[in-house]
Amino acid sequence: MRLRTLGRHVREGTKNLGRNGWMTFASISAVAVMLLVVGVFLLLIMNVNNVASTIEDDVEIKVYIELTASEEQQQELQAEIEQLPNIESVTYVGKEEGLDQLIDSLDESGAVFESIREENPLNDSFVVRAISPQLTEQVAATIEPLTNVERVNYGKDFIERLFSITDFVRMIGLILVVGMLFTAMFLIANTIKLTIVARKREIQIMKLVGATNGFIRWPFFIEGILLGVLGAIIPIVIIGVGYSYLITNYGMRIELLFFSLLPPFPYVWQIAGLLLAIGAFIGMWGSMMSVRKFLKV
């Protein structure tokens, strides 16, 4: 296609938006409302997934060293653990540090344990992290039979429940997002089809006077893309401004009560790009499917 011809199609497609004011408004409104719902839902799912990932990242294995192990044996054990597969880090925690952590975790009640500081009965230990939280159980099972390991603790029951919950949340989130996208595509495409159907006589006349299918189709193709993009801009602005306002004014309160929200950027930009792509695709697809019906005269 020549550049000149393409320019003509772009001008015609743009003019059609103004010529069909109310139908254009209806189409853009439908696109904006549905993509706003999709965008808000995507932002919610991204935050829920972030919370799940944060909880999973806190999973660690506590390896308690036998009380009879010498310092040299402890160092050998640490080196042996570090050489195991799927190990991200191994951190030594002396029994004095372990007692301090115990006292701090109990707040005011922890002062009771100050009396045992002279004869500290706790074990020295290692805090081990796997390269992936899902490998925690496997790594713990590998460490447990090693020499000078008294016991291994990683909260097996809690970990299993945690991973079941986070996997379920991710699966449900994915299903709902896909369902919302298909619903949005169906409703928006049908609204755009109504815009084209209202002008079927115009398409039939152009066909009868000898216009080719491509010549007729391209202005509607451009118009559909513009409808989708214009409809996507509105929810992008609302989501960007609204989420930034939420973070600025209520982010600290939400963090104290529940969890830390994702920062507006780059996540809002990611959603913006996705909504623009969805809007353009749905507008193009709705227009092409509708015009094709009237090209057979």
Protein backbone atom coordinates (compact mmCIF):
# COMPACT_ATOMS: atom_id res chain seq x y z
CA MET A 1 0.00 0.00 0.00
CA ARG A 2 1.25 3.46 -0.93
CA LEU A 3 1.94 5.96 1.82
CA ARG A 4 -0.46 8.39 0.19
CA THR A 5 -3.27 5.83 0.22
CA LEU A 6 -2.55 4.94 3.83
CA GLY A 7 -2.74 8.62 4.76
CA ARG A 8 -6.15 8.81 3.10
CA HIS A 9 -7.38 5.83 5.12
CA VAL A 10 -6.11 7.34 8.37
CA ARG A 11 -7.87 10.66 7.61
CA GLU A 12 -11.11 8.87 6.77
CA GLY A 13 -10.95 6.70 9.84
CA THR A 14 -10.34 9.74 12.04
CA LYS A 15 -13.18 11.71 10.42
CA ASN A 16 -15.57 8.82 10.97
CA LEU A 17 -15.14 9.22 14.72
CA GLY A 18 -16.64 12.72 14.49
CA ARG A 19 -19.29 11.86 11.93
CA ASN A 20 -20.79 9.20 14.18
CA GLY A 21 -20.60 11.10 17.44
CA TRP A 22 -22.99 9.17 19.65
CA MET A 23 -21.94 5.75 18.44
CA THR A 24 -18.30 6.75 18.86
CA PHE A 25 -19.07 7.92 22.40
CA ALA A 26 -20.86 4.63 23.16
CA SER A 27 -17.97 2.55 21.85
CA ILE A 28 -15.29 4.52 23.70
CA SER A 29 -17.37 4.39 26.89
CA ALA A 30 -17.76 0.61 26.63
CA VAL A 31 -14.04 0.17 26.04
CA ALA A 32 -13.17 2.52 28.93
CA VAL A 33 -15.50 0.88 31.48
CA MET A 34 -14.45 -2.68 30.71
CA LEU A 35 -10.73 -1.91 30.54
CA LEU A 36 -10.98 0.02 33.80
CA VAL A 37 -12.37 -3.09 35.48
CA VAL A 38 -9.67 -5.24 33.87
CA GLY A 39 -6.91 -2.78 34.85
CA VAL A 40 -8.03 -2.52 38.48
CA PHE A 41 -8.30 -6.27 38.72
CA LEU A 42 -4.82 -6.73 37.21
CA LEU A 43 -3.38 -4.28 39.74
CA LEU A 44 -5.08 -6.15 42.57
CA ILE A 45 -3.76 -9.51 41.36
CA MET A 46 -0.23 -8.09 41.02
CA ASN A 47 -0.34 -6.89 44.65
CA VAL A 48 -1.74 -10.20 45.91
CA ASN A 49 0.98 -12.07 44.01
CA ASN A 50 3.60 -9.75 45.50
CA VAL A 51 2.34 -10.52 49.02
CA ALA A 52 2.48 -14.26 48.28
CA SER A 53 6.03 -13.95 46.95
CA THR A 54 7.12 -11.89 49.97
CA ILE A 55 5.75 -14.51 52.38
CA GLU A 56 7.45 -17.30 50.43
CA ASP A 57 10.78 -15.43 50.45
CA ASP A 58 10.73 -15.42 54.28
CA VAL A 59 10.85 -19.22 54.35
CA GLU A 60 14.11 -20.50 55.85
CA ILE A 61 15.59 -23.68 57.35
CA LYS A 62 16.99 -23.68 60.88
CA VAL A 63 19.76 -26.26 61.27
CA TYR A 64 20.62 -26.93 64.93
CA ILE A 65 24.19 -28.09 65.54
CA GLU A 66 24.93 -30.79 68.12
CA LEU A 67 26.15 -29.35 71.43
CA THR A 68 29.22 -31.59 71.35
CA ALA A 69 30.42 -30.29 67.95
CA SER A 70 33.69 -28.39 68.08
CA GLU A 71 34.29 -25.12 66.25
CA GLU A 72 36.25 -26.97 63.56
CA GLN A 73 33.42 -29.46 63.08
CA GLN A 74 30.93 -26.60 62.79
CA GLN A 75 33.02 -25.01 60.06
CA GLU A 76 33.24 -28.33 58.23
CA LEU A 77 29.46 -28.72 58.48
CA GLN A 78 28.90 -25.22 57.11
CA ALA A 79 31.22 -25.93 54.17
CA GLU A 80 29.39 -29.20 53.52
CA ILE A 81 25.99 -27.49 53.51
CA GLU A 82 27.21 -24.73 51.21
CA GLN A 83 28.32 -27.32 48.68
CA LEU A 84 24.89 -28.96 48.51
CA PRO A 85 22.72 -28.24 45.44
CA ASN A 86 19.95 -25.61 45.56
CA ILE A 87 21.54 -23.67 48.45
CA GLU A 88 21.33 -19.87 48.24
CA SER A 89 22.92 -18.89 51.56
CA VAL A 90 24.11 -20.31 54.87
CA THR A 91 24.30 -17.98 57.89
CA TYR A 92 25.87 -18.98 61.20
CA VAL A 93 23.91 -18.02 64.34
CA GLY A 94 25.79 -18.52 67.63
CA LYS A 95 23.85 -19.52 70.72
CA GLU A 96 24.39 -16.06 72.27
CA GLU A 97 22.86 -14.42 69.22
CA GLY A 98 20.08 -17.01 69.26
CA LEU A 99 19.29 -16.13 72.87
CA ASP A 100 19.20 -12.42 72.00
CA GLN A 101 16.76 -13.15 69.17
CA LEU A 102 14.58 -15.22 71.52
CA ILE A 103 14.48 -12.43 74.12
CA ASP A 104 13.68 -9.78 71.49
CA SER A 105 10.89 -11.89 69.99
CA LEU A 106 9.15 -12.19 73.39
CA ASP A 107 9.25 -8.41 74.08
CA GLU A 108 8.82 -7.73 77.83
CA SER A 109 8.40 -11.43 78.68
CA GLY A 110 11.82 -12.14 77.21
CA ALA A 111 13.59 -10.58 80.20
CA VAL A 112 12.95 -13.82 82.10
CA PHE A 113 15.54 -15.58 79.95
CA GLU A 114 18.33 -13.17 80.92
CA SER A 115 19.00 -15.40 83.93
CA ILE A 116 20.18 -18.28 81.71
CA ARG A 117 22.71 -16.22 79.80
CA GLU A 118 25.61 -17.53 81.92
CA GLU A 119 24.74 -21.17 81.16
CA ASN A 120 23.15 -20.79 77.75
CA PRO A 121 21.48 -24.16 76.88
CA LEU A 122 20.70 -23.23 73.26
CA ASN A 123 22.37 -24.80 70.24
CA ASP A 124 24.52 -22.99 67.73
CA SER A 125 22.75 -23.08 64.40
CA PHE A 126 22.76 -22.25 60.72
CA VAL A 127 20.01 -20.39 58.89
CA VAL A 128 19.80 -21.87 55.39
CA ARG A 129 17.87 -20.48 52.42
CA ALA A 130 17.10 -22.48 49.29
CA ILE A 131 17.39 -20.89 45.85
CA SER A 132 13.61 -21.33 45.55
CA PRO A 133 11.11 -21.47 48.45
CA GLN A 134 9.50 -24.53 46.83
CA LEU A 135 12.78 -26.44 47.30
CA THR A 136 12.84 -25.87 51.07
CA GLU A 137 11.56 -29.34 52.01
CA GLN A 138 13.96 -31.05 49.60
CA VAL A 139 16.96 -29.09 50.93
CA ALA A 140 15.97 -29.77 54.56
CA ALA A 141 15.77 -33.50 53.87
CA THR A 142 19.28 -33.39 52.38
CA ILE A 143 20.77 -31.55 55.38
CA GLU A 144 19.11 -33.58 58.15
CA PRO A 145 21.27 -36.74 57.92
CA LEU A 146 24.58 -34.83 57.88
CA THR A 147 27.10 -35.39 60.68
CA ASN A 148 26.81 -33.04 63.71
CA VAL A 149 23.26 -31.98 62.78
CA GLU A 150 21.01 -32.44 65.81
CA ARG A 151 17.75 -31.50 64.09
CA VAL A 152 16.33 -29.45 61.25
CA ASN A 153 13.33 -27.17 61.60
CA TYR A 154 11.51 -25.44 58.74
CA GLY A 155 7.89 -25.64 59.85
CA LYS A 156 6.92 -28.48 57.52
CA ASP A 157 3.15 -28.31 58.08
CA PHE A 158 3.12 -24.52 57.83
CA ILE A 159 5.22 -24.55 54.65
CA GLU A 160 2.95 -27.07 52.96
CA ARG A 161 -0.15 -25.03 53.81
CA LEU A 162 1.57 -21.80 52.75
CA PHE A 163 2.55 -23.10 49.31
CA SER A 164 -0.91 -24.60 48.81
CA ILE A 165 -2.53 -21.24 49.58
CA THR A 166 -0.17 -19.15 47.45
CA ASP A 167 -0.46 -21.55 44.49
CA PHE A 168 -4.26 -21.47 44.83
CA VAL A 169 -4.28 -17.65 44.94
CA ARG A 170 -2.13 -17.42 41.80
CA MET A 171 -4.26 -19.96 39.93
CA ILE A 172 -7.53 -18.25 40.83
CA GLY A 173 -6.05 -14.86 39.95
CA LEU A 174 -4.94 -16.11 36.53
CA ILE A 175 -8.33 -17.68 35.81
CA LEU A 176 -10.19 -14.52 36.82
CA VAL A 177 -7.92 -12.24 34.76
CA VAL A 178 -8.32 -14.42 31.66
CA GLY A 179 -12.09 -14.55 32.23
CA MET A 180 -12.25 -10.76 32.60
CA LEU A 181 -10.24 -10.25 29.42
CA PHE A 182 -12.51 -12.51 27.37
CA THR A 183 -15.60 -10.82 28.81
CA ALA A 184 -14.17 -7.41 27.97
CA MET A 185 -13.31 -8.53 24.43
CA PHE A 186 -16.84 -9.85 23.85
CA LEU A 187 -18.68 -6.80 25.19
CA ILE A 188 -16.41 -4.20 23.60
CA ALA A 189 -16.28 -5.95 20.22
CA ASN A 190 -20.09 -6.19 20.12
CA THR A 191 -20.44 -2.50 20.95
CA ILE A 192 -18.07 -1.61 18.10
CA LYS A 193 -20.02 -3.93 15.81
CA LEU A 194 -23.15 -1.87 16.49
CA THR A 195 -21.22 1.19 15.30
CA ILE A 196 -20.39 -0.57 12.02
CA VAL A 197 -23.85 -2.11 11.57
CA ALA A 198 -25.40 1.35 11.77
CA ARG A 199 -23.38 2.25 8.64
CA LYS A 200 -23.96 -0.89 6.58
CA ARG A 201 -25.71 1.09 3.84
CA GLU A 202 -22.60 3.25 3.43
CA ILE A 203 -20.46 0.11 3.03
CA GLN A 204 -22.88 -1.44 0.51
CA ILE A 205 -22.98 1.70 -1.64
CA MET A 206 -19.17 1.86 -1.72
CA LYS A 207 -19.10 -1.77 -2.78
CA LEU A 208 -21.65 -1.22 -5.56
CA VAL A 209 -19.71 1.69 -7.10
CA GLY A 210 -16.63 -0.50 -7.46
CA ALA A 211 -14.57 0.06 -4.29
CA THR A 212 -12.34 -2.88 -3.42
CA ASN A 213 -12.69 -4.74 -0.15
CA GLY A 214 -9.34 -3.38 1.07
CA PHE A 215 -10.30 0.22 0.21
CA ILE A 216 -13.51 -0.13 2.23
CA ARG A 217 -11.97 -2.09 5.07
CA TRP A 218 -8.95 0.08 5.94
CA PRO A 219 -10.76 3.22 7.24
CA PHE A 220 -12.86 1.02 9.54
CA PHE A 221 -9.71 -0.82 10.55
CA ILE A 222 -8.09 2.51 11.55
CA GLU A 223 -11.30 3.68 13.22
CA GLY A 224 -11.51 0.52 15.32
CA ILE A 225 -7.91 0.91 16.53
CA LEU A 226 -8.55 4.56 17.45
CA LEU A 227 -11.72 3.62 19.34
CA GLY A 228 -9.82 1.01 21.31
CA VAL A 229 -6.84 3.27 22.06
CA LEU A 230 -9.00 6.25 23.06
CA GLY A 231 -11.08 4.00 25.27
CA ALA A 232 -7.93 2.62 26.91
CA ILE A 233 -6.46 6.06 27.69
CA ILE A 234 -9.30 6.91 30.09
CA PRO A 235 -8.82 3.91 32.43
CA ILE A 236 -5.03 4.33 32.22
CA VAL A 237 -5.32 7.90 33.53
CA ILE A 238 -7.83 6.89 36.24
CA ILE A 239 -5.71 3.94 37.40
CA GLY A 240 -2.46 5.93 37.32
CA VAL A 241 -3.80 8.92 39.24
CA GLY A 242 -5.96 6.85 41.60
CA TYR A 243 -3.25 4.36 42.52
CA SER A 244 -0.64 7.09 43.02
CA TYR A 245 -3.08 8.94 45.29
CA LEU A 246 -3.75 5.72 47.24
CA ILE A 247 -0.04 5.07 47.75
CA THR A 248 0.72 8.69 48.71
CA ASN A 249 -2.12 9.13 51.19
CA TYR A 250 -2.88 5.66 52.52
CA GLY A 251 0.16 3.53 51.65
CA MET A 252 1.65 3.67 55.16
CA ARG A 253 -1.66 2.80 56.84
CA ILE A 254 -2.23 -0.17 54.55
CA GLU A 255 1.35 -1.34 55.11
CA LEU A 256 0.90 -1.24 58.89
CA LEU A 257 -2.46 -3.02 58.80
CA PHE A 258 -2.05 -5.58 56.05
CA PHE A 259 0.88 -5.57 53.61
CA SER A 260 3.12 -3.35 51.53
CA LEU A 261 1.62 -2.21 48.22
CA LEU A 262 3.65 -2.24 45.03
CA PRO A 263 5.05 1.16 44.00
CA PRO A 264 3.11 2.91 41.18
CA PHE A 265 6.01 2.70 38.76
CA PRO A 266 6.88 0.69 36.76
CA TYR A 267 3.76 -1.40 37.42
CA VAL A 268 1.26 1.24 36.30
CA TRP A 269 3.25 1.60 33.06
CA GLN A 270 3.09 -2.14 32.52
CA ILE A 271 -0.68 -2.14 32.97
CA ALA A 272 -0.96 0.93 30.71
CA GLY A 273 0.90 -0.83 27.90
CA LEU A 274 -1.24 -3.94 28.30
CA LEU A 275 -4.52 -1.96 28.27
CA LEU A 276 -3.45 -0.02 25.15
CA ALA A 277 -2.60 -3.28 23.37
CA ILE A 278 -5.90 -4.89 24.42
CA GLY A 279 -7.90 -1.81 23.41
CA ALA A 280 -6.25 -1.56 19.99
CA PHE A 281 -6.63 -5.29 19.32
CA ILE A 282 -10.28 -5.42 20.37
CA GLY A 283 -11.12 -2.30 18.34
CA MET A 284 -9.39 -3.68 15.26
CA TRP A 285 -10.91 -7.14 15.65
CA GLY A 286 -14.45 -5.84 16.27
CA SER A 287 -14.30 -3.58 13.23
CA MET A 288 -12.86 -6.20 10.89
CA MET A 289 -15.38 -8.86 11.89
CA SER A 290 -18.30 -6.46 11.41
CA VAL A 291 -17.19 -4.98 8.08
CA ARG A 292 -16.56 -8.41 6.60
CA LYS A 293 -20.25 -9.25 6.92
CA PHE A 294 -21.26 -6.36 4.62
CA LEU A 295 -18.59 -6.77 1.96
CA LYS A 296 -20.64 -9.42 0.16
CA VAL A 297 -23.19 -7.53 -1.92
